[in-house]
PDB file of all heavy atoms in Angstrom:
ATOM      1  N   ASN A   1      -1.297 -21.600  20.451  1.00  0.00           N
ATOM      2  CA  ASN A   1      -2.432 -22.519  20.620  1.00  0.00           C
ATOM      3  C   ASN A   1      -3.736 -21.810  20.909  1.00  0.00           C
ATOM      4  O   ASN A   1      -4.816 -22.368  20.708  1.00  0.00           O
ATOM      5  CB  ASN A   1      -2.136 -23.514  21.760  1.00  0.00           C
ATOM      6  CG  ASN A   1      -1.059 -24.498  21.357  1.00  0.00           C
ATOM      7  OD1 ASN A   1      -0.827 -24.725  20.190  1.00  0.00           O
ATOM      8  ND2 ASN A   1      -0.372 -25.050  22.361  1.00  0.00           N
ATOM      9  N   GLN A   2      -3.668 -20.562  21.396  1.00  0.00           N
ATOM     10  CA  GLN A   2      -4.893 -19.865  21.762  1.00  0.00           C
ATOM     11  C   GLN A   2      -5.602 -19.267  20.564  1.00  0.00           C
ATOM     12  O   GLN A   2      -6.808 -19.310  20.455  1.00  0.00           O
ATOM     13  CB  GLN A   2      -4.577 -18.756  22.772  1.00  0.00           C
ATOM     14  CG  GLN A   2      -4.385 -19.283  24.181  1.00  0.00           C
ATOM     15  CD  GLN A   2      -4.126 -18.153  25.147  1.00  0.00           C
ATOM     16  OE1 GLN A   2      -3.811 -17.048  24.747  1.00  0.00           O
ATOM     17  NE2 GLN A   2      -4.279 -18.434  26.422  1.00  0.00           N
ATOM     18  N   SER A   3      -4.874 -18.643  19.666  1.00  0.00           N
ATOM     19  CA  SER A   3      -5.539 -17.968  18.554  1.00  0.00           C
ATOM     20  C   SER A   3      -4.535 -17.744  17.432  1.00  0.00           C
ATOM     21  O   SER A   3      -3.330 -17.809  17.627  1.00  0.00           O
ATOM     22  CB  SER A   3      -6.069 -16.607  19.028  1.00  0.00           C
ATOM     23  OG  SER A   3      -5.005 -15.790  19.458  1.00  0.00           O
ATOM     24  N   PRO A   4      -5.016 -17.493  16.209  1.00  0.00           N
ATOM     25  CA  PRO A   4      -4.107 -17.222  15.100  1.00  0.00           C
ATOM     26  C   PRO A   4      -3.263 -15.983  15.400  1.00  0.00           C
ATOM     27  O   PRO A   4      -3.714 -15.048  16.072  1.00  0.00           O
ATOM     28  CB  PRO A   4      -5.064 -16.960  13.921  1.00  0.00           C
ATOM     29  CG  PRO A   4      -6.341 -17.571  14.327  1.00  0.00           C
ATOM     30  CD  PRO A   4      -6.432 -17.440  15.819  1.00  0.00           C
ATOM     31  N   ASN A   5      -2.035 -15.968  14.893  1.00  0.00           N
ATOM     32  CA  ASN A   5      -1.183 -14.815  15.093  1.00  0.00           C
ATOM     33  C   ASN A   5      -1.543 -13.780  14.037  1.00  0.00           C
ATOM     34  O   ASN A   5      -1.155 -13.875  12.884  1.00  0.00           O
ATOM     35  CB  ASN A   5       0.292 -15.224  14.985  1.00  0.00           C
ATOM     36  CG  ASN A   5       1.216 -14.115  15.437  1.00  0.00           C
ATOM     37  OD1 ASN A   5       1.093 -12.979  14.988  1.00  0.00           O
ATOM     38  ND2 ASN A   5       2.136 -14.436  16.319  1.00  0.00           N
ATOM     39  N   ALA A   6      -2.300 -12.768  14.467  1.00  0.00           N
ATOM     40  CA  ALA A   6      -2.814 -11.768  13.511  1.00  0.00           C
ATOM     41  C   ALA A   6      -1.706 -10.998  12.825  1.00  0.00           C
ATOM     42  O   ALA A   6      -1.775 -10.716  11.624  1.00  0.00           O
ATOM     43  CB  ALA A   6      -3.760 -10.807  14.251  1.00  0.00           C
ATOM     44  N   ASN A   7      -0.655 -10.660  13.567  1.00  0.00           N
ATOM     45  CA  ASN A   7       0.438  -9.889  12.974  1.00  0.00           C
ATOM     46  C   ASN A   7       1.138 -10.653  11.869  1.00  0.00           C
ATOM     47  O   ASN A   7       1.456 -10.092  10.810  1.00  0.00           O
ATOM     48  CB  ASN A   7       1.454  -9.496  14.066  1.00  0.00           C
ATOM     49  CG  ASN A   7       0.941  -8.398  14.977  1.00  0.00           C
ATOM     50  OD1 ASN A   7       0.208  -7.518  14.535  1.00  0.00           O
ATOM     51  ND2 ASN A   7       1.275  -8.468  16.249  1.00  0.00           N
ATOM     52  N   LEU A   8       1.393 -11.931  12.116  1.00  0.00           N
ATOM     53  CA  LEU A   8       2.073 -12.736  11.100  1.00  0.00           C
ATOM     54  C   LEU A   8       1.191 -12.912   9.877  1.00  0.00           C
ATOM     55  O   LEU A   8       1.662 -12.872   8.740  1.00  0.00           O
ATOM     56  CB  LEU A   8       2.466 -14.088  11.673  1.00  0.00           C
ATOM     57  CG  LEU A   8       3.612 -14.093  12.675  1.00  0.00           C
ATOM     58  CD1 LEU A   8       3.887 -15.494  13.169  1.00  0.00           C
ATOM     59  CD2 LEU A   8       4.883 -13.504  12.066  1.00  0.00           C
ATOM     60  N   LEU A   9      -0.115 -13.121  10.093  1.00  0.00           N
ATOM     61  CA  LEU A   9      -1.030 -13.293   8.970  1.00  0.00           C
ATOM     62  C   LEU A   9      -1.132 -11.996   8.157  1.00  0.00           C
ATOM     63  O   LEU A   9      -1.182 -12.014   6.938  1.00  0.00           O
ATOM     64  CB  LEU A   9      -2.408 -13.699   9.475  1.00  0.00           C
ATOM     65  CG  LEU A   9      -2.534 -15.142   9.959  1.00  0.00           C
ATOM     66  CD1 LEU A   9      -3.911 -15.396  10.537  1.00  0.00           C
ATOM     67  CD2 LEU A   9      -2.260 -16.126   8.808  1.00  0.00           C
ATOM     68  N   TYR A  10      -1.147 -10.869   8.843  1.00  0.00           N
ATOM     69  CA  TYR A  10      -1.197  -9.586   8.128  1.00  0.00           C
ATOM     70  C   TYR A  10       0.046  -9.430   7.254  1.00  0.00           C
ATOM     71  O   TYR A  10      -0.047  -9.041   6.086  1.00  0.00           O
ATOM     72  CB  TYR A  10      -1.294  -8.437   9.118  1.00  0.00           C
ATOM     73  CG  TYR A  10      -1.276  -7.071   8.460  1.00  0.00           C
ATOM     74  CD1 TYR A  10      -2.433  -6.526   7.906  1.00  0.00           C
ATOM     75  CD2 TYR A  10      -0.101  -6.350   8.359  1.00  0.00           C
ATOM     76  CE1 TYR A  10      -2.418  -5.299   7.265  1.00  0.00           C
ATOM     77  CE2 TYR A  10      -0.069  -5.116   7.730  1.00  0.00           C
ATOM     78  CZ  TYR A  10      -1.226  -4.590   7.185  1.00  0.00           C
ATOM     79  OH  TYR A  10      -1.197  -3.383   6.548  1.00  0.00           O
ATOM     80  N   ASP A  11       1.212  -9.706   7.838  1.00  0.00           N
ATOM     81  CA  ASP A  11       2.448  -9.586   7.066  1.00  0.00           C
ATOM     82  C   ASP A  11       2.478 -10.537   5.870  1.00  0.00           C
ATOM     83  O   ASP A  11       3.057 -10.239   4.830  1.00  0.00           O
ATOM     84  CB  ASP A  11       3.668  -9.884   7.964  1.00  0.00           C
ATOM     85  CG  ASP A  11       3.892  -8.802   9.008  1.00  0.00           C
ATOM     86  OD1 ASP A  11       3.411  -7.672   8.803  1.00  0.00           O
ATOM     87  OD2 ASP A  11       4.553  -9.091  10.013  1.00  0.00           O
ATOM     88  N   GLU A  12       1.811 -11.686   6.044  1.00  0.00           N
ATOM     89  CA  GLU A  12       1.783 -12.680   4.950  1.00  0.00           C
ATOM     90  C   GLU A  12       0.849 -12.234   3.810  1.00  0.00           C
ATOM     91  O   GLU A  12       1.164 -12.443   2.654  1.00  0.00           O
ATOM     92  CB  GLU A  12       1.328 -14.012   5.508  1.00  0.00           C
ATOM     93  CG  GLU A  12       1.210 -15.113   4.459  1.00  0.00           C
ATOM     94  CD  GLU A  12       0.704 -16.421   5.022  1.00  0.00           C
ATOM     95  OE1 GLU A  12       0.622 -16.547   6.271  1.00  0.00           O
ATOM     96  OE2 GLU A  12       0.371 -17.317   4.221  1.00  0.00           O
ATOM     97  N   TYR A  13      -0.275 -11.634   4.178  1.00  0.00           N
ATOM     98  CA  TYR A  13      -1.300 -11.335   3.164  1.00  0.00           C
ATOM     99  C   TYR A  13      -1.262  -9.904   2.643  1.00  0.00           C
ATOM    100  O   TYR A  13      -1.791  -9.638   1.567  1.00  0.00           O
ATOM    101  CB  TYR A  13      -2.694 -11.635   3.724  1.00  0.00           C
ATOM    102  CG  TYR A  13      -3.019 -13.108   3.722  1.00  0.00           C
ATOM    103  CD1 TYR A  13      -2.725 -13.917   4.821  1.00  0.00           C
ATOM    104  CD2 TYR A  13      -3.580 -13.732   2.601  1.00  0.00           C
ATOM    105  CE1 TYR A  13      -3.008 -15.267   4.816  1.00  0.00           C
ATOM    106  CE2 TYR A  13      -3.868 -15.084   2.570  1.00  0.00           C
ATOM    107  CZ  TYR A  13      -3.580 -15.845   3.685  1.00  0.00           C
ATOM    108  OH  TYR A  13      -3.860 -17.181   3.668  1.00  0.00           O
ATOM    109  N   TYR A  14      -0.629  -9.004   3.366  1.00  0.00           N
ATOM    110  CA  TYR A  14      -0.536  -7.634   2.873  1.00  0.00           C
ATOM    111  C   TYR A  14       0.606  -7.507   1.875  1.00  0.00           C
ATOM    112  O   TYR A  14       1.714  -7.943   2.126  1.00  0.00           O
ATOM    113  CB  TYR A  14      -0.345  -6.640   3.996  1.00  0.00           C
ATOM    114  CG  TYR A  14       0.051  -5.264   3.516  1.00  0.00           C
ATOM    115  CD1 TYR A  14      -0.889  -4.446   2.902  1.00  0.00           C
ATOM    116  CD2 TYR A  14       1.364  -4.806   3.613  1.00  0.00           C
ATOM    117  CE1 TYR A  14      -0.554  -3.180   2.427  1.00  0.00           C
ATOM    118  CE2 TYR A  14       1.701  -3.542   3.140  1.00  0.00           C
ATOM    119  CZ  TYR A  14       0.750  -2.745   2.566  1.00  0.00           C
ATOM    120  OH  TYR A  14       1.112  -1.497   2.086  1.00  0.00           O
ATOM    121  N   THR A  15       0.336  -6.879   0.741  1.00  0.00           N
ATOM    122  CA  THR A  15       1.367  -6.581  -0.222  1.00  0.00           C
ATOM    123  C   THR A  15       1.027  -5.301  -0.969  1.00  0.00           C
ATOM    124  O   THR A  15      -0.161  -5.060  -1.297  1.00  0.00           O
ATOM    125  CB  THR A  15       1.539  -7.729  -1.252  1.00  0.00           C
ATOM    126  OG1 THR A  15       2.406  -7.294  -2.302  1.00  0.00           O
ATOM    127  CG2 THR A  15       0.219  -8.135  -1.847  1.00  0.00           C
ATOM    128  N   GLU A  16       2.016  -4.473  -1.189  1.00  0.00           N
ATOM    129  CA  GLU A  16       1.782  -3.206  -1.900  1.00  0.00           C
ATOM    130  C   GLU A  16       1.307  -3.442  -3.335  1.00  0.00           C
ATOM    131  O   GLU A  16       0.703  -2.556  -3.943  1.00  0.00           O
ATOM    132  CB  GLU A  16       3.067  -2.348  -1.897  1.00  0.00           C
ATOM    133  CG  GLU A  16       3.377  -1.734  -0.556  1.00  0.00           C
ATOM    134  CD  GLU A  16       4.548  -0.762  -0.619  1.00  0.00           C
ATOM    135  OE1 GLU A  16       4.930  -0.374  -1.772  1.00  0.00           O
ATOM    136  OE2 GLU A  16       5.117  -0.430   0.437  1.00  0.00           O
ATOM    137  N   GLU A  17       1.602  -4.628  -3.842  1.00  0.00           N
ATOM    138  CA  GLU A  17       1.152  -4.939  -5.207  1.00  0.00           C
ATOM    139  C   GLU A  17      -0.373  -4.927  -5.346  1.00  0.00           C
ATOM    140  O   GLU A  17      -0.906  -4.780  -6.444  1.00  0.00           O
ATOM    141  CB  GLU A  17       1.704  -6.301  -5.626  1.00  0.00           C
ATOM    142  CG  GLU A  17       3.233  -6.322  -5.733  1.00  0.00           C
ATOM    143  CD  GLU A  17       3.746  -7.711  -6.095  1.00  0.00           C
ATOM    144  OE1 GLU A  17       2.909  -8.632  -6.242  1.00  0.00           O
ATOM    145  OE2 GLU A  17       4.971  -7.863  -6.215  1.00  0.00           O
ATOM    146  N   ASP A  18      -1.081  -5.094  -4.218  1.00  0.00           N
ATOM    147  CA  ASP A  18      -2.538  -5.078  -4.254  1.00  0.00           C
ATOM    148  C   ASP A  18      -3.121  -3.663  -4.241  1.00  0.00           C
ATOM    149  O   ASP A  18      -4.334  -3.484  -4.403  1.00  0.00           O
ATOM    150  CB  ASP A  18      -3.100  -5.829  -3.034  1.00  0.00           C
ATOM    151  CG  ASP A  18      -2.962  -7.357  -3.192  1.00  0.00           C
ATOM    152  OD1 ASP A  18      -2.772  -7.800  -4.334  1.00  0.00           O
ATOM    153  OD2 ASP A  18      -3.023  -8.061  -2.172  1.00  0.00           O
ATOM    154  N   LEU A  19      -2.263  -2.680  -4.053  1.00  0.00           N
ATOM    155  CA  LEU A  19      -2.743  -1.293  -4.057  1.00  0.00           C
ATOM    156  C   LEU A  19      -2.933  -0.841  -5.508  1.00  0.00           C
ATOM    157  O   LEU A  19      -2.185  -1.201  -6.404  1.00  0.00           O
ATOM    158  CB  LEU A  19      -1.725  -0.393  -3.365  1.00  0.00           C
ATOM    159  CG  LEU A  19      -1.709  -0.508  -1.833  1.00  0.00           C
ATOM    160  CD1 LEU A  19      -0.525   0.230  -1.249  1.00  0.00           C
ATOM    161  CD2 LEU A  19      -3.004   0.026  -1.239  1.00  0.00           C
ATOM    162  N   PRO A  20      -3.957   0.001  -5.744  1.00  0.00           N
ATOM    163  CA  PRO A  20      -4.241   0.451  -7.115  1.00  0.00           C
ATOM    164  C   PRO A  20      -3.232   1.464  -7.593  1.00  0.00           C
ATOM    165  O   PRO A  20      -2.531   2.109  -6.804  1.00  0.00           O
ATOM    166  CB  PRO A  20      -5.624   1.084  -6.964  1.00  0.00           C
ATOM    167  CG  PRO A  20      -5.650   1.595  -5.560  1.00  0.00           C
ATOM    168  CD  PRO A  20      -4.905   0.542  -4.769  1.00  0.00           C
ATOM    169  N   SER A  21      -3.129   1.637  -8.889  1.00  0.00           N
ATOM    170  CA  SER A  21      -2.264   2.646  -9.486  1.00  0.00           C
ATOM    171  C   SER A  21      -3.005   3.975  -9.507  1.00  0.00           C
ATOM    172  O   SER A  21      -4.141   4.055  -9.937  1.00  0.00           O
ATOM    173  CB  SER A  21      -1.860   2.231 -10.904  1.00  0.00           C
ATOM    174  OG  SER A  21      -1.146   3.300 -11.522  1.00  0.00           O
ATOM    175  N   VAL A  22      -2.353   5.014  -9.036  1.00  0.00           N
ATOM    176  CA  VAL A  22      -2.962   6.341  -9.049  1.00  0.00           C
ATOM    177  C   VAL A  22      -2.054   7.343  -9.782  1.00  0.00           C
ATOM    178  O   VAL A  22      -2.048   8.516  -9.494  1.00  0.00           O
ATOM    179  CB  VAL A  22      -3.260   6.855  -7.620  1.00  0.00           C
ATOM    180  CG1 VAL A  22      -4.351   6.053  -6.977  1.00  0.00           C
ATOM    181  CG2 VAL A  22      -2.005   6.820  -6.765  1.00  0.00           C
ATOM    182  N   VAL A  23      -1.285   6.827 -10.714  1.00  0.00           N
ATOM    183  CA  VAL A  23      -0.386   7.704 -11.490  1.00  0.00           C
ATOM    184  C   VAL A  23      -1.200   8.628 -12.376  1.00  0.00           C
ATOM    185  O   VAL A  23      -2.096   8.184 -13.117  1.00  0.00           O
ATOM    186  CB  VAL A  23       0.576   6.850 -12.361  1.00  0.00           C
ATOM    187  CG1 VAL A  23       1.419   7.760 -13.227  1.00  0.00           C
ATOM    188  CG2 VAL A  23       1.443   5.955 -11.460  1.00  0.00           C
ATOM    189  N   LYS A  24      -0.905   9.906 -12.293  1.00  0.00           N
ATOM    190  CA  LYS A  24      -1.627  10.905 -13.095  1.00  0.00           C
ATOM    191  C   LYS A  24      -0.611  11.838 -13.744  1.00  0.00           C
ATOM    192  O   LYS A  24       0.503  11.995 -13.256  1.00  0.00           O
ATOM    193  CB  LYS A  24      -2.601  11.713 -12.226  1.00  0.00           C
ATOM    194  CG  LYS A  24      -3.661  10.838 -11.563  1.00  0.00           C
ATOM    195  CD  LYS A  24      -4.577  11.683 -10.692  1.00  0.00           C
ATOM    196  CE  LYS A  24      -5.602  10.812  -9.998  1.00  0.00           C
ATOM    197  NZ  LYS A  24      -6.515  10.183 -10.940  1.00  0.00           N
ATOM    198  N   ARG A  25      -1.005  12.457 -14.812  1.00  0.00           N
ATOM    199  CA  ARG A  25      -0.133  13.388 -15.519  1.00  0.00           C
ATOM    200  C   ARG A  25      -0.662  14.823 -15.346  1.00  0.00           C
ATOM    201  O   ARG A  25      -1.864  15.051 -15.316  1.00  0.00           O
ATOM    202  CB  ARG A  25      -0.051  13.049 -16.998  1.00  0.00           C
ATOM    203  CG  ARG A  25       0.505  11.648 -17.264  1.00  0.00           C
ATOM    204  CD  ARG A  25       0.608  11.368 -18.760  1.00  0.00           C
ATOM    205  NE  ARG A  25       1.102  10.034 -19.004  1.00  0.00           N
ATOM    206  CZ  ARG A  25       2.379   9.675 -18.982  1.00  0.00           C
ATOM    207  NH1 ARG A  25       3.299  10.606 -18.730  1.00  0.00           N
ATOM    208  NH2 ARG A  25       2.760   8.439 -19.234  1.00  0.00           N
ATOM    209  N   GLY A  26       0.274  15.740 -15.229  1.00  0.00           N
ATOM    210  CA  GLY A  26      -0.127  17.127 -15.106  1.00  0.00           C
ATOM    211  C   GLY A  26       0.780  17.878 -14.164  1.00  0.00           C
ATOM    212  O   GLY A  26       1.541  17.284 -13.383  1.00  0.00           O
ATOM    213  N   SER A  27       0.692  19.187 -14.178  1.00  0.00           N
ATOM    214  CA  SER A  27       1.590  20.026 -13.391  1.00  0.00           C
ATOM    215  C   SER A  27       1.216  20.041 -11.906  1.00  0.00           C
ATOM    216  O   SER A  27       2.028  20.447 -11.061  1.00  0.00           O
ATOM    217  CB  SER A  27       1.559  21.463 -13.929  1.00  0.00           C
ATOM    218  OG  SER A  27       0.246  21.977 -13.899  1.00  0.00           O
ATOM    219  N   LYS A  28       0.003  19.620 -11.565  1.00  0.00           N
ATOM    220  CA  LYS A  28      -0.445  19.681 -10.178  1.00  0.00           C
ATOM    221  C   LYS A  28      -0.285  18.356  -9.428  1.00  0.00           C
ATOM    222  O   LYS A  28      -0.734  18.231  -8.307  1.00  0.00           O
ATOM    223  CB  LYS A  28      -1.929  20.100 -10.149  1.00  0.00           C
ATOM    224  CG  LYS A  28      -2.188  21.506 -10.681  1.00  0.00           C
ATOM    225  CD  LYS A  28      -3.649  21.842 -10.560  1.00  0.00           C
ATOM    226  CE  LYS A  28      -3.929  23.256 -11.075  1.00  0.00           C
ATOM    227  NZ  LYS A  28      -5.365  23.624 -10.972  1.00  0.00           N
ATOM    228  N   GLU A  29       0.388  17.425 -10.082  1.00  0.00           N
ATOM    229  CA  GLU A  29       0.485  16.099  -9.489  1.00  0.00           C
ATOM    230  C   GLU A  29       1.715  15.874  -8.622  1.00  0.00           C
ATOM    231  O   GLU A  29       1.994  14.765  -8.208  1.00  0.00           O
ATOM    232  CB  GLU A  29       0.434  15.041 -10.589  1.00  0.00           C
ATOM    233  CG  GLU A  29      -0.968  14.584 -10.977  1.00  0.00           C
ATOM    234  CD  GLU A  29      -1.834  15.746 -11.444  1.00  0.00           C
ATOM    235  OE1 GLU A  29      -1.407  16.453 -12.377  1.00  0.00           O
ATOM    236  OE2 GLU A  29      -2.905  15.972 -10.871  1.00  0.00           O
ATOM    237  N   GLU A  30       2.468  16.926  -8.344  1.00  0.00           N
ATOM    238  CA  GLU A  30       3.678  16.781  -7.555  1.00  0.00           C
ATOM    239  C   GLU A  30       3.377  16.242  -6.161  1.00  0.00           C
ATOM    240  O   GLU A  30       4.094  15.380  -5.642  1.00  0.00           O
ATOM    241  CB  GLU A  30       4.409  18.112  -7.454  1.00  0.00           C
ATOM    242  CG  GLU A  30       5.745  18.011  -6.683  1.00  0.00           C
ATOM    243  CD  GLU A  30       6.471  19.342  -6.614  1.00  0.00           C
ATOM    244  OE1 GLU A  30       6.019  20.304  -7.251  1.00  0.00           O
ATOM    245  OE2 GLU A  30       7.491  19.398  -5.898  1.00  0.00           O
ATOM    246  N   GLN A  31       2.323  16.761  -5.551  1.00  0.00           N
ATOM    247  CA  GLN A  31       1.953  16.306  -4.212  1.00  0.00           C
ATOM    248  C   GLN A  31       1.609  14.809  -4.216  1.00  0.00           C
ATOM    249  O   GLN A  31       1.948  14.053  -3.295  1.00  0.00           O
ATOM    250  CB  GLN A  31       0.749  17.108  -3.683  1.00  0.00           C
ATOM    251  CG  GLN A  31       1.067  18.533  -3.317  1.00  0.00           C
ATOM    252  CD  GLN A  31       1.730  18.648  -1.945  1.00  0.00           C
ATOM    253  OE1 GLN A  31       2.029  17.656  -1.299  1.00  0.00           O
ATOM    254  NE2 GLN A  31       1.991  19.858  -1.529  1.00  0.00           N
ATOM    255  N   LEU A  32       0.913  14.391  -5.257  1.00  0.00           N
ATOM    256  CA  LEU A  32       0.561  12.976  -5.386  1.00  0.00           C
ATOM    257  C   LEU A  32       1.796  12.117  -5.505  1.00  0.00           C
ATOM    258  O   LEU A  32       1.915  11.068  -4.856  1.00  0.00           O
ATOM    259  CB  LEU A  32      -0.362  12.777  -6.591  1.00  0.00           C
ATOM    260  CG  LEU A  32      -0.848  11.346  -6.860  1.00  0.00           C
ATOM    261  CD1 LEU A  32      -1.633  10.805  -5.678  1.00  0.00           C
ATOM    262  CD2 LEU A  32      -1.671  11.297  -8.137  1.00  0.00           C
ATOM    263  N   THR A  33       2.722  12.542  -6.349  1.00  0.00           N
ATOM    264  CA  THR A  33       3.974  11.802  -6.530  1.00  0.00           C
ATOM    265  C   THR A  33       4.757  11.725  -5.234  1.00  0.00           C
ATOM    266  O   THR A  33       5.296  10.678  -4.860  1.00  0.00           O
ATOM    267  CB  THR A  33       4.833  12.475  -7.606  1.00  0.00           C
ATOM    268  OG1 THR A  33       4.108  12.510  -8.844  1.00  0.00           O
ATOM    269  CG2 THR A  33       6.131  11.715  -7.831  1.00  0.00           C
ATOM    270  N   GLN A  34       4.820  12.850  -4.517  1.00  0.00           N
ATOM    271  CA  GLN A  34       5.547  12.881  -3.247  1.00  0.00           C
ATOM    272  C   GLN A  34       4.888  11.947  -2.231  1.00  0.00           C
ATOM    273  O   GLN A  34       5.576  11.264  -1.455  1.00  0.00           O
ATOM    274  CB  GLN A  34       5.563  14.314  -2.687  1.00  0.00           C
ATOM    275  CG  GLN A  34       6.465  15.257  -3.476  1.00  0.00           C
ATOM    276  CD  GLN A  34       6.428  16.669  -2.910  1.00  0.00           C
ATOM    277  OE1 GLN A  34       5.661  16.984  -2.003  1.00  0.00           O
ATOM    278  NE2 GLN A  34       7.261  17.545  -3.453  1.00  0.00           N
ATOM    279  N   GLY A  35       3.567  11.902  -2.279  1.00  0.00           N
ATOM    280  CA  GLY A  35       2.839  11.024  -1.357  1.00  0.00           C
ATOM    281  C   GLY A  35       3.172   9.563  -1.616  1.00  0.00           C
ATOM    282  O   GLY A  35       3.378   8.780  -0.661  1.00  0.00           O
ATOM    283  N   ILE A  36       3.231   9.160  -2.879  1.00  0.00           N
ATOM    284  CA  ILE A  36       3.538   7.768  -3.223  1.00  0.00           C
ATOM    285  C   ILE A  36       4.965   7.418  -2.846  1.00  0.00           C
ATOM    286  O   ILE A  36       5.241   6.351  -2.293  1.00  0.00           O
ATOM    287  CB  ILE A  36       3.291   7.529  -4.722  1.00  0.00           C
ATOM    288  CG1 ILE A  36       1.785   7.681  -5.031  1.00  0.00           C
ATOM    289  CG2 ILE A  36       3.783   6.139  -5.127  1.00  0.00           C
ATOM    290  CD1 ILE A  36       1.474   7.612  -6.507  1.00  0.00           C
ATOM    291  N   ILE A  37       5.885   8.324  -3.123  1.00  0.00           N
ATOM    292  CA  ILE A  37       7.290   8.089  -2.799  1.00  0.00           C
ATOM    293  C   ILE A  37       7.473   7.946  -1.282  1.00  0.00           C
ATOM    294  O   ILE A  37       8.155   7.042  -0.809  1.00  0.00           O
ATOM    295  CB  ILE A  37       8.194   9.240  -3.319  1.00  0.00           C
ATOM    296  CG1 ILE A  37       8.211   9.232  -4.843  1.00  0.00           C
ATOM    297  CG2 ILE A  37       9.604   9.119  -2.767  1.00  0.00           C
ATOM    298  CD1 ILE A  37       8.935  10.399  -5.472  1.00  0.00           C
TER     299      ILE A  37
END
């Protein structure tokens, strides 16, 4: 009754699908791939 539940709203509205694609090709992209995984 005091205020919106911020944690629940965050869980409701946050989705990884909203994150951009940063897939790149090349021999130096291993760190990037590891970061995403």
